[in-house]
Amino acid sequence: MKKMKMLFVSALMAVMASSCGTTSTVPITGRKQNILVSDEQVLSLSNQEYQKYMQTAKPSTNATNTAMVKRVGQNLANAVVSYLQQNGLGTEVSQYKWEFNLVQDKSVNAFCMPGGKIVVFEGILPVTKDEASLAVVLGHEIAHAVAKHSAERMSNEVRKQYGGQILGAVLQGAGASANLQQIGATVFGIGTTLGGAAYSRSQESEADRMGLIFAAMAGYDPNVAVAFWQRMAQATGSSYSILSDHPSDATRIKNIQGWLPEALKYYRPAPTVTKSTTTKKKTTSTKKTTSTKKK
């Protein structure tokens, strides 16, 4: 009887621990978050939605712009992974398989799925104008993935919809139950024009700050962010789809100006290679012959 009671207490403690989820810390900001779903579940679901999207997406035919997106994206990924590894957080992205795509879509948009799947729409390039501004956009999107904002939102949806039934009805081992798959499809929703999860304003501000720093880490001048968001406001009239829940343009720009000193601490401009022309000077040496007269 005593043994059975001990087993029951152990099982109950395990259930309580699972239902409370895990507490993690967001890199850079240090914010604590409570996550119910596992990395394996989130990555599995996001990959499913990403594959569905890519089956219908049309890759860009512009080789130059496609190469730029891949180059900027990889530079950011390298910088972020390096930073996380140096700070003992390499496991946070150890399962990521980075991909960078430019697709034919006039929407002013871009997104990064959990797992490092980055998609840029051609419609945003006339607004970014340069690689540094594109890095600010991609840094923001990568920040959503690194900060586990999708997992956080999924956890909130699980609590909202299922409450005390989350263990039995939703979270089943390393895989994803039908209920969790439905929640994942709603959270990621990239089959629509949204192009990603609808994050909260606090998450969007967090991604703005982290993205600015990620861009600086990768060697892109974060100072361009202010002018870029001003251009974005003019081009979209605040109707940019993934920014529907973002802070207002004025608030965003004010926040970015406040975060710039922090971001600049991480900024190390990429070395530029310049061609130097060396002129070889011909030197002629005249041998002087000294004649000595014999006396």
C-alpha atoms as a PDB file:
ATOM      1  CA  MET A   1       0.000   0.000   0.000  1.00  0.00           C
ATOM      2  CA  LYS A   2       2.807   2.351   0.943  1.00  0.00           C
ATOM      3  CA  LYS A   3       4.596   1.547  -2.321  1.00  0.00           C
ATOM      4  CA  MET A   4       1.449   2.277  -4.349  1.00  0.00           C
ATOM      5  CA  LYS A   5       1.015   5.593  -2.548  1.00  0.00           C
ATOM      6  CA  MET A   6       4.602   6.571  -3.373  1.00  0.00           C
ATOM      7  CA  LEU A   7       4.065   5.687  -7.036  1.00  0.00           C
ATOM      8  CA  PHE A   8       0.872   7.769  -7.092  1.00  0.00           C
ATOM      9  CA  VAL A   9       2.661  10.773  -5.563  1.00  0.00           C
ATOM     10  CA  SER A  10       5.501  10.448  -8.083  1.00  0.00           C
ATOM     11  CA  ALA A  11       3.051  10.271 -10.986  1.00  0.00           C
ATOM     12  CA  LEU A  12       1.108  13.259  -9.677  1.00  0.00           C
ATOM     13  CA  MET A  13       4.290  15.302  -9.355  1.00  0.00           C
ATOM     14  CA  ALA A  14       5.236  14.405 -12.935  1.00  0.00           C
ATOM     15  CA  VAL A  15       1.801  15.486 -14.164  1.00  0.00           C
ATOM     16  CA  MET A  16       2.009  18.759 -12.264  1.00  0.00           C
ATOM     17  CA  ALA A  17       5.482  19.434 -13.630  1.00  0.00           C
ATOM     18  CA  SER A  18       4.348  18.740 -17.181  1.00  0.00           C
ATOM     19  CA  SER A  19       1.235  20.853 -16.844  1.00  0.00           C
ATOM     20  CA  CYS A  20       3.300  23.770 -15.584  1.00  0.00           C
ATOM     21  CA  GLY A  21       5.595  23.470 -18.581  1.00  0.00           C
ATOM     22  CA  THR A  22       9.197  24.600 -18.647  1.00  0.00           C
ATOM     23  CA  THR A  23      10.604  28.014 -17.854  1.00  0.00           C
ATOM     24  CA  SER A  24      13.169  29.393 -20.272  1.00  0.00           C
ATOM     25  CA  THR A  25      14.976  32.683 -20.707  1.00  0.00           C
ATOM     26  CA  VAL A  26      14.888  34.698 -23.915  1.00  0.00           C
ATOM     27  CA  PRO A  27      18.425  35.535 -25.144  1.00  0.00           C
ATOM     28  CA  ILE A  28      19.445  39.215 -25.125  1.00  0.00           C
ATOM     29  CA  THR A  29      16.356  40.462 -23.242  1.00  0.00           C
ATOM     30  CA  GLY A  30      16.480  37.996 -20.347  1.00  0.00           C
ATOM     31  CA  ARG A  31      12.683  37.717 -20.222  1.00  0.00           C
ATOM     32  CA  LYS A  32      11.318  34.584 -18.552  1.00  0.00           C
ATOM     33  CA  GLN A  33       8.684  32.583 -20.411  1.00  0.00           C
ATOM     34  CA  ASN A  34       6.670  29.454 -19.659  1.00  0.00           C
ATOM     35  CA  ILE A  35       6.434  26.931 -22.492  1.00  0.00           C
ATOM     36  CA  LEU A  36       4.118  23.907 -22.523  1.00  0.00           C
ATOM     37  CA  VAL A  37       5.066  22.444 -25.892  1.00  0.00           C
ATOM     38  CA  SER A  38       8.414  20.826 -26.653  1.00  0.00           C
ATOM     39  CA  ASP A  39      10.909  21.977 -29.280  1.00  0.00           C
ATOM     40  CA  GLU A  40      10.294  18.722 -31.158  1.00  0.00           C
ATOM     41  CA  GLN A  41       6.563  19.391 -31.335  1.00  0.00           C
ATOM     42  CA  VAL A  42       6.987  22.976 -32.499  1.00  0.00           C
ATOM     43  CA  LEU A  43       9.588  22.109 -35.126  1.00  0.00           C
ATOM     44  CA  SER A  44       7.515  19.203 -36.429  1.00  0.00           C
ATOM     45  CA  LEU A  45       4.398  21.340 -36.806  1.00  0.00           C
ATOM     46  CA  SER A  46       6.180  24.360 -38.274  1.00  0.00           C
ATOM     47  CA  ASN A  47       7.976  22.176 -40.810  1.00  0.00           C
ATOM     48  CA  GLN A  48       4.651  20.699 -41.935  1.00  0.00           C
ATOM     49  CA  GLU A  49       3.159  24.156 -42.479  1.00  0.00           C
ATOM     50  CA  TYR A  50       6.324  25.407 -44.157  1.00  0.00           C
ATOM     51  CA  GLN A  51       6.370  22.510 -46.623  1.00  0.00           C
ATOM     52  CA  LYS A  52       2.718  23.149 -47.470  1.00  0.00           C
ATOM     53  CA  TYR A  53       3.504  26.779 -48.181  1.00  0.00           C
ATOM     54  CA  MET A  54       6.585  26.065 -50.306  1.00  0.00           C
ATOM     55  CA  GLN A  55       4.618  23.640 -52.484  1.00  0.00           C
ATOM     56  CA  THR A  56       2.528  26.542 -53.751  1.00  0.00           C
ATOM     57  CA  ALA A  57       5.089  29.372 -53.550  1.00  0.00           C
ATOM     58  CA  LYS A  58       6.895  30.473 -56.707  1.00  0.00           C
ATOM     59  CA  PRO A  59      10.639  31.018 -56.270  1.00  0.00           C
ATOM     60  CA  SER A  60      11.978  34.320 -57.573  1.00  0.00           C
ATOM     61  CA  THR A  61      13.587  34.250 -60.998  1.00  0.00           C
ATOM     62  CA  ASN A  62      15.909  37.136 -60.087  1.00  0.00           C
ATOM     63  CA  ALA A  63      19.255  35.431 -59.459  1.00  0.00           C
ATOM     64  CA  THR A  64      20.921  38.555 -58.031  1.00  0.00           C
ATOM     65  CA  ASN A  65      18.212  39.225 -55.439  1.00  0.00           C
ATOM     66  CA  THR A  66      17.940  35.542 -54.559  1.00  0.00           C
ATOM     67  CA  ALA A  67      21.683  35.400 -53.918  1.00  0.00           C
ATOM     68  CA  MET A  68      21.431  38.538 -51.764  1.00  0.00           C
ATOM     69  CA  VAL A  69      18.678  37.052 -49.592  1.00  0.00           C
ATOM     70  CA  LYS A  70      20.668  33.844 -49.099  1.00  0.00           C
ATOM     71  CA  ARG A  71      23.844  35.782 -48.313  1.00  0.00           C
ATOM     72  CA  VAL A  72      22.271  38.162 -45.795  1.00  0.00           C
ATOM     73  CA  GLY A  73      20.244  35.377 -44.201  1.00  0.00           C
ATOM     74  CA  GLN A  74      23.256  33.111 -43.792  1.00  0.00           C
ATOM     75  CA  ASN A  75      25.360  35.933 -42.349  1.00  0.00           C
ATOM     76  CA  LEU A  76      22.672  36.535 -39.738  1.00  0.00           C
ATOM     77  CA  ALA A  77      22.295  32.827 -38.973  1.00  0.00           C
ATOM     78  CA  ASN A  78      26.049  32.432 -38.522  1.00  0.00           C
ATOM     79  CA  ALA A  79      26.221  35.424 -36.191  1.00  0.00           C
ATOM     80  CA  VAL A  80      23.249  34.307 -34.090  1.00  0.00           C
ATOM     81  CA  VAL A  81      24.449  30.706 -33.764  1.00  0.00           C
ATOM     82  CA  SER A  82      27.939  31.899 -32.848  1.00  0.00           C
ATOM     83  CA  TYR A  83      26.553  34.235 -30.165  1.00  0.00           C
ATOM     84  CA  LEU A  84      24.332  31.533 -28.668  1.00  0.00           C
ATOM     85  CA  GLN A  85      27.164  29.006 -28.597  1.00  0.00           C
ATOM     86  CA  GLN A  86      29.525  31.472 -26.935  1.00  0.00           C
ATOM     87  CA  ASN A  87      26.922  32.086 -24.240  1.00  0.00           C
ATOM     88  CA  GLY A  88      26.119  28.429 -23.553  1.00  0.00           C
ATOM     89  CA  LEU A  89      22.824  28.539 -25.476  1.00  0.00           C
ATOM     90  CA  GLY A  90      23.803  26.578 -28.566  1.00  0.00           C
ATOM     91  CA  THR A  91      21.213  23.887 -27.858  1.00  0.00           C
ATOM     92  CA  GLU A  92      18.460  26.473 -28.494  1.00  0.00           C
ATOM     93  CA  VAL A  93      19.098  26.253 -32.243  1.00  0.00           C
ATOM     94  CA  SER A  94      20.914  22.918 -32.478  1.00  0.00           C
ATOM     95  CA  GLN A  95      17.963  21.389 -34.364  1.00  0.00           C
ATOM     96  CA  TYR A  96      17.587  24.293 -36.783  1.00  0.00           C
ATOM     97  CA  LYS A  97      18.150  23.688 -40.487  1.00  0.00           C
ATOM     98  CA  TRP A  98      18.489  27.110 -42.048  1.00  0.00           C
ATOM     99  CA  GLU A  99      16.899  27.844 -45.422  1.00  0.00           C
ATOM    100  CA  PHE A 100      16.602  31.146 -47.247  1.00  0.00           C
ATOM    101  CA  ASN A 101      14.094  31.747 -50.033  1.00  0.00           C
ATOM    102  CA  LEU A 102      12.961  34.690 -52.143  1.00  0.00           C
ATOM    103  CA  VAL A 103       9.489  34.167 -53.583  1.00  0.00           C
ATOM    104  CA  GLN A 104       7.383  35.901 -56.207  1.00  0.00           C
ATOM    105  CA  ASP A 105       4.909  37.863 -54.158  1.00  0.00           C
ATOM    106  CA  LYS A 106       4.222  41.609 -54.240  1.00  0.00           C
ATOM    107  CA  SER A 107       3.323  41.660 -50.547  1.00  0.00           C
ATOM    108  CA  VAL A 108       5.640  43.719 -48.355  1.00  0.00           C
ATOM    109  CA  ASN A 109       6.486  40.787 -46.168  1.00  0.00           C
ATOM    110  CA  ALA A 110       8.995  38.260 -44.837  1.00  0.00           C
ATOM    111  CA  PHE A 111       8.901  35.523 -42.222  1.00  0.00           C
ATOM    112  CA  CYS A 112      11.066  33.001 -40.396  1.00  0.00           C
ATOM    113  CA  MET A 113       9.544  29.753 -39.152  1.00  0.00           C
ATOM    114  CA  PRO A 114      10.825  27.950 -36.062  1.00  0.00           C
ATOM    115  CA  GLY A 115      13.691  25.824 -37.303  1.00  0.00           C
ATOM    116  CA  GLY A 116      15.254  28.580 -39.390  1.00  0.00           C
ATOM    117  CA  LYS A 117      13.049  28.572 -42.488  1.00  0.00           C
ATOM    118  CA  ILE A 118      13.256  32.109 -43.888  1.00  0.00           C
ATOM    119  CA  VAL A 119      11.077  33.426 -46.705  1.00  0.00           C
ATOM    120  CA  VAL A 120      11.303  36.910 -48.203  1.00  0.00           C
ATOM    121  CA  PHE A 121       8.645  38.297 -50.542  1.00  0.00           C
ATOM    122  CA  GLU A 122       9.894  40.290 -53.540  1.00  0.00           C
ATOM    123  CA  GLY A 123       7.531  43.115 -52.595  1.00  0.00           C
ATOM    124  CA  ILE A 124       9.661  44.122 -49.627  1.00  0.00           C
ATOM    125  CA  LEU A 125      12.900  44.668 -51.566  1.00  0.00           C
ATOM    126  CA  PRO A 126      11.944  48.093 -53.022  1.00  0.00           C
ATOM    127  CA  VAL A 127      11.446  49.224 -49.420  1.00  0.00           C
ATOM    128  CA  THR A 128      14.586  47.693 -47.920  1.00  0.00           C
ATOM    129  CA  LYS A 129      16.706  49.104 -50.799  1.00  0.00           C
ATOM    130  CA  ASP A 130      20.000  47.815 -49.334  1.00  0.00           C
ATOM    131  CA  GLU A 131      21.422  44.773 -47.591  1.00  0.00           C
ATOM    132  CA  ALA A 132      21.671  46.427 -44.182  1.00  0.00           C
ATOM    133  CA  SER A 133      17.937  47.230 -44.165  1.00  0.00           C
ATOM    134  CA  LEU A 134      17.153  43.703 -45.345  1.00  0.00           C
ATOM    135  CA  ALA A 135      19.250  42.458 -42.425  1.00  0.00           C
ATOM    136  CA  VAL A 136      17.089  44.488 -40.038  1.00  0.00           C
ATOM    137  CA  VAL A 137      13.977  42.773 -41.421  1.00  0.00           C
ATOM    138  CA  LEU A 138      15.482  39.287 -41.327  1.00  0.00           C
ATOM    139  CA  GLY A 139      16.973  39.922 -37.900  1.00  0.00           C
ATOM    140  CA  HIS A 140      13.480  40.715 -36.640  1.00  0.00           C
ATOM    141  CA  GLU A 141      12.062  37.520 -38.130  1.00  0.00           C
ATOM    142  CA  ILE A 142      14.899  35.345 -36.859  1.00  0.00           C
ATOM    143  CA  ALA A 143      14.387  36.867 -33.415  1.00  0.00           C
ATOM    144  CA  HIS A 144      10.832  35.492 -33.352  1.00  0.00           C
ATOM    145  CA  ALA A 145      12.252  32.004 -33.875  1.00  0.00           C
ATOM    146  CA  VAL A 146      15.121  32.337 -31.379  1.00  0.00           C
ATOM    147  CA  ALA A 147      12.815  33.801 -28.726  1.00  0.00           C
ATOM    148  CA  LYS A 148      10.374  30.898 -29.232  1.00  0.00           C
ATOM    149  CA  HIS A 149       7.441  33.239 -29.743  1.00  0.00           C
ATOM    150  CA  SER A 150       5.488  30.610 -31.690  1.00  0.00           C
ATOM    151  CA  ALA A 151       5.901  28.063 -28.886  1.00  0.00           C
ATOM    152  CA  GLU A 152       4.824  30.720 -26.406  1.00  0.00           C
ATOM    153  CA  ARG A 153       1.703  31.525 -28.389  1.00  0.00           C
ATOM    154  CA  MET A 154       0.892  27.828 -28.855  1.00  0.00           C
ATOM    155  CA  SER A 155       1.198  27.341 -25.096  1.00  0.00           C
ATOM    156  CA  ASN A 156      -1.187  30.216 -24.478  1.00  0.00           C
ATOM    157  CA  GLU A 157      -3.679  28.732 -26.954  1.00  0.00           C
ATOM    158  CA  VAL A 158      -3.443  25.332 -25.240  1.00  0.00           C
ATOM    159  CA  ARG A 159      -4.177  26.909 -21.861  1.00  0.00           C
ATOM    160  CA  LYS A 160      -7.044  28.923 -23.293  1.00  0.00           C
ATOM    161  CA  GLN A 161      -8.728  26.064 -25.139  1.00  0.00           C
ATOM    162  CA  TYR A 162      -8.069  23.080 -22.923  1.00  0.00           C
ATOM    163  CA  GLY A 163      -7.168  24.275 -19.461  1.00  0.00           C
ATOM    164  CA  GLY A 164      -6.749  21.293 -17.145  1.00  0.00           C
ATOM    165  CA  GLN A 165      -7.183  18.815 -19.998  1.00  0.00           C
ATOM    166  CA  ILE A 166      -3.927  19.774 -21.702  1.00  0.00           C
ATOM    167  CA  LEU A 167      -1.999  16.682 -20.700  1.00  0.00           C
ATOM    168  CA  GLY A 168      -4.454  14.084 -21.895  1.00  0.00           C
ATOM    169  CA  ALA A 169      -6.027  15.902 -24.821  1.00  0.00           C
ATOM    170  CA  VAL A 170      -3.210  17.870 -26.355  1.00  0.00           C
ATOM    171  CA  LEU A 171       0.343  17.082 -25.273  1.00  0.00           C
ATOM    172  CA  GLN A 172       1.186  13.508 -26.144  1.00  0.00           C
ATOM    173  CA  GLY A 173       4.859  12.606 -25.949  1.00  0.00           C
ATOM    174  CA  ALA A 174       7.288  14.002 -28.481  1.00  0.00           C
ATOM    175  CA  GLY A 175       4.716  13.940 -31.257  1.00  0.00           C
ATOM    176  CA  ALA A 176       1.795  16.235 -31.818  1.00  0.00           C
ATOM    177  CA  SER A 177      -1.798  15.225 -31.203  1.00  0.00           C
ATOM    178  CA  ALA A 178      -4.547  16.175 -33.630  1.00  0.00           C
ATOM    179  CA  ASN A 179      -5.584  18.969 -31.257  1.00  0.00           C
ATOM    180  CA  LEU A 180      -2.062  20.388 -31.134  1.00  0.00           C
ATOM    181  CA  GLN A 181      -1.755  20.142 -34.908  1.00  0.00           C
ATOM    182  CA  GLN A 182      -4.900  22.239 -35.245  1.00  0.00           C
ATOM    183  CA  ILE A 183      -3.484  24.838 -32.871  1.00  0.00           C
ATOM    184  CA  GLY A 184      -0.188  24.820 -34.775  1.00  0.00           C
ATOM    185  CA  ALA A 185      -1.946  25.401 -38.095  1.00  0.00           C
ATOM    186  CA  THR A 186      -3.736  28.376 -36.550  1.00  0.00           C
ATOM    187  CA  VAL A 187      -0.597  29.816 -34.964  1.00  0.00           C
ATOM    188  CA  PHE A 188       1.651  29.463 -38.016  1.00  0.00           C
ATOM    189  CA  GLY A 189      -1.038  30.095 -40.617  1.00  0.00           C
ATOM    190  CA  ILE A 190       1.426  30.742 -43.425  1.00  0.00           C
ATOM    191  CA  GLY A 191      -1.000  29.494 -46.028  1.00  0.00           C
ATOM    192  CA  THR A 192      -2.666  32.904 -45.770  1.00  0.00           C
ATOM    193  CA  THR A 193      -1.335  36.338 -46.671  1.00  0.00           C
ATOM    194  CA  LEU A 194      -0.281  36.756 -43.061  1.00  0.00           C
ATOM    195  CA  GLY A 195       2.929  34.860 -43.636  1.00  0.00           C
ATOM    196  CA  GLY A 196       3.428  33.937 -39.988  1.00  0.00           C
ATOM    197  CA  ALA A 197       2.066  33.931 -36.512  1.00  0.00           C
ATOM    198  CA  ALA A 198       0.190  36.942 -35.175  1.00  0.00           C
ATOM    199  CA  TYR A 199       2.409  37.800 -32.245  1.00  0.00           C
ATOM    200  CA  SER A 200       1.584  40.076 -29.348  1.00  0.00           C
ATOM    201  CA  ARG A 201       2.840  43.643 -29.254  1.00  0.00           C
ATOM    202  CA  SER A 202       5.290  42.788 -26.484  1.00  0.00           C
ATOM    203  CA  GLN A 203       6.698  39.958 -28.624  1.00  0.00           C
ATOM    204  CA  GLU A 204       6.958  42.262 -31.629  1.00  0.00           C
ATOM    205  CA  SER A 205       8.864  44.854 -29.602  1.00  0.00           C
ATOM    206  CA  GLU A 206      11.144  42.126 -28.281  1.00  0.00           C
ATOM    207  CA  ALA A 207      11.807  40.950 -31.848  1.00  0.00           C
ATOM    208  CA  ASP A 208      12.552  44.548 -32.912  1.00  0.00           C
ATOM    209  CA  ARG A 209      15.197  44.882 -30.195  1.00  0.00           C
ATOM    210  CA  MET A 210      16.746  41.457 -30.740  1.00  0.00           C
ATOM    211  CA  GLY A 211      16.655  41.816 -34.522  1.00  0.00           C
ATOM    212  CA  LEU A 212      18.499  45.119 -34.362  1.00  0.00           C
ATOM    213  CA  ILE A 213      21.246  43.455 -32.323  1.00  0.00           C
ATOM    214  CA  PHE A 214      21.367  40.378 -34.573  1.00  0.00           C
ATOM    215  CA  ALA A 215      21.862  42.612 -37.620  1.00  0.00           C
ATOM    216  CA  ALA A 216      24.699  44.427 -35.834  1.00  0.00           C
ATOM    217  CA  MET A 217      26.302  41.104 -34.852  1.00  0.00           C
ATOM    218  CA  ALA A 218      26.313  40.104 -38.507  1.00  0.00           C
ATOM    219  CA  GLY A 219      28.186  43.268 -39.494  1.00  0.00           C
ATOM    220  CA  TYR A 220      25.259  45.374 -40.736  1.00  0.00           C
ATOM    221  CA  ASP A 221      24.916  48.969 -39.566  1.00  0.00           C
ATOM    222  CA  PRO A 222      21.865  49.102 -37.235  1.00  0.00           C
ATOM    223  CA  ASN A 223      21.577  52.853 -37.775  1.00  0.00           C
ATOM    224  CA  VAL A 224      19.723  52.178 -41.047  1.00  0.00           C
ATOM    225  CA  ALA A 225      16.753  50.797 -39.101  1.00  0.00           C
ATOM    226  CA  VAL A 226      15.205  54.205 -38.413  1.00  0.00           C
ATOM    227  CA  ALA A 227      15.160  55.264 -42.077  1.00  0.00           C
ATOM    228  CA  PHE A 228      13.934  51.815 -43.119  1.00  0.00           C
ATOM    229  CA  TRP A 229      10.913  51.863 -40.797  1.00  0.00           C
ATOM    230  CA  GLN A 230      10.138  55.386 -41.956  1.00  0.00           C
ATOM    231  CA  ARG A 231      10.112  54.136 -45.542  1.00  0.00           C
ATOM    232  CA  MET A 232       7.976  51.188 -44.473  1.00  0.00           C
ATOM    233  CA  ALA A 233       5.405  53.499 -42.905  1.00  0.00           C
ATOM    234  CA  GLN A 234       5.230  55.585 -46.085  1.00  0.00           C
ATOM    235  CA  ALA A 235       5.028  52.548 -48.381  1.00  0.00           C
ATOM    236  CA  THR A 236       2.350  50.653 -46.500  1.00  0.00           C
ATOM    237  CA  GLY A 237       0.438  53.246 -44.511  1.00  0.00           C
ATOM    238  CA  SER A 238       0.822  50.962 -41.472  1.00  0.00           C
ATOM    239  CA  SER A 239      -0.954  48.170 -43.362  1.00  0.00           C
ATOM    240  CA  TYR A 240       2.088  45.878 -43.514  1.00  0.00           C
ATOM    241  CA  SER A 241       0.490  42.496 -42.884  1.00  0.00           C
ATOM    242  CA  ILE A 242       2.869  41.063 -40.313  1.00  0.00           C
ATOM    243  CA  LEU A 243       2.837  44.364 -38.451  1.00  0.00           C
ATOM    244  CA  SER A 244      -0.870  44.415 -37.683  1.00  0.00           C
ATOM    245  CA  ASP A 245      -0.150  43.776 -34.027  1.00  0.00           C
ATOM    246  CA  HIS A 246       3.141  45.656 -33.988  1.00  0.00           C
ATOM    247  CA  PRO A 247       3.679  48.897 -32.073  1.00  0.00           C
ATOM    248  CA  SER A 248       2.729  52.038 -34.000  1.00  0.00           C
ATOM    249  CA  ASP A 249       5.294  53.451 -36.422  1.00  0.00           C
ATOM    250  CA  ALA A 250       6.121  56.348 -34.097  1.00  0.00           C
ATOM    251  CA  THR A 251       6.508  54.037 -31.089  1.00  0.00           C
ATOM    252  CA  ARG A 252       8.646  51.576 -33.045  1.00  0.00           C
ATOM    253  CA  ILE A 253      11.013  54.267 -34.302  1.00  0.00           C
ATOM    254  CA  LYS A 254      11.297  55.824 -30.839  1.00  0.00           C
ATOM    255  CA  ASN A 255      12.081  52.411 -29.328  1.00  0.00           C
ATOM    256  CA  ILE A 256      14.665  51.633 -31.999  1.00  0.00           C
ATOM    257  CA  GLN A 257      16.387  54.955 -31.402  1.00  0.00           C
ATOM    258  CA  GLY A 258      16.561  54.019 -27.734  1.00  0.00           C
ATOM    259  CA  TRP A 259      18.004  50.563 -28.503  1.00  0.00           C
ATOM    260  CA  LEU A 260      20.625  51.763 -30.989  1.00  0.00           C
ATOM    261  CA  PRO A 261      23.362  52.396 -28.367  1.00  0.00           C
ATOM    262  CA  GLU A 262      22.957  48.794 -27.175  1.00  0.00           C
ATOM    263  CA  ALA A 263      23.001  47.396 -30.723  1.00  0.00           C
ATOM    264  CA  LEU A 264      26.067  49.428 -31.677  1.00  0.00           C
ATOM    265  CA  LYS A 265      28.034  47.652 -28.948  1.00  0.00           C
ATOM    266  CA  TYR A 266      27.733  44.494 -31.040  1.00  0.00           C
ATOM    267  CA  TYR A 267      28.458  46.189 -34.362  1.00  0.00           C
ATOM    268  CA  ARG A 268      31.675  45.275 -36.090  1.00  0.00           C
ATOM    269  CA  PRO A 269      31.605  46.414 -39.731  1.00  0.00           C
ATOM    270  CA  ALA A 270      32.477  43.663 -42.172  1.00  0.00           C
ATOM    271  CA  PRO A 271      35.961  44.251 -43.585  1.00  0.00           C
ATOM    272  CA  THR A 272      35.965  45.653 -47.091  1.00  0.00           C
ATOM    273  CA  VAL A 273      38.425  44.426 -49.661  1.00  0.00           C
ATOM    274  CA  THR A 274      39.959  47.176 -51.721  1.00  0.00           C
ATOM    275  CA  LYS A 275      42.194  46.723 -54.708  1.00  0.00           C
ATOM    276  CA  SER A 276      45.434  48.569 -54.422  1.00  0.00           C
ATOM    277  CA  THR A 277      47.648  49.411 -57.346  1.00  0.00           C
ATOM    278  CA  THR A 278      51.318  49.187 -56.617  1.00  0.00           C
ATOM    279  CA  THR A 279      53.790  50.877 -58.886  1.00  0.00           C
ATOM    280  CA  LYS A 280      57.140  49.318 -59.047  1.00  0.00           C
ATOM    281  CA  LYS A 281      59.823  51.901 -59.211  1.00  0.00           C
ATOM    282  CA  LYS A 282      62.852  51.039 -61.220  1.00  0.00           C
ATOM    283  CA  THR A 283      65.997  51.933 -59.443  1.00  0.00           C
ATOM    284  CA  THR A 284      69.153  52.269 -61.335  1.00  0.00           C
ATOM    285  CA  SER A 285      72.338  51.992 -59.468  1.00  0.00           C
ATOM    286  CA  THR A 286      75.441  53.569 -60.868  1.00  0.00           C
ATOM    287  CA  LYS A 287      78.637  51.914 -60.003  1.00  0.00           C
ATOM    288  CA  LYS A 288      81.351  54.340 -59.386  1.00  0.00           C
ATOM    289  CA  THR A 289      84.823  53.256 -60.345  1.00  0.00           C
ATOM    290  CA  THR A 290      87.548  54.662 -58.259  1.00  0.00           C
ATOM    291  CA  SER A 291      90.939  54.724 -59.807  1.00  0.00           C
ATOM    292  CA  THR A 292      93.956  54.984 -57.630  1.00  0.00           C
ATOM    293  CA  LYS A 293      97.127  56.366 -58.963  1.00  0.00           C
ATOM    294  CA  LYS A 294     100.298  54.665 -58.048  1.00  0.00           C
ATOM    295  CA  LYS A 295     102.799  57.041 -56.778  1.00  0.00           C
END
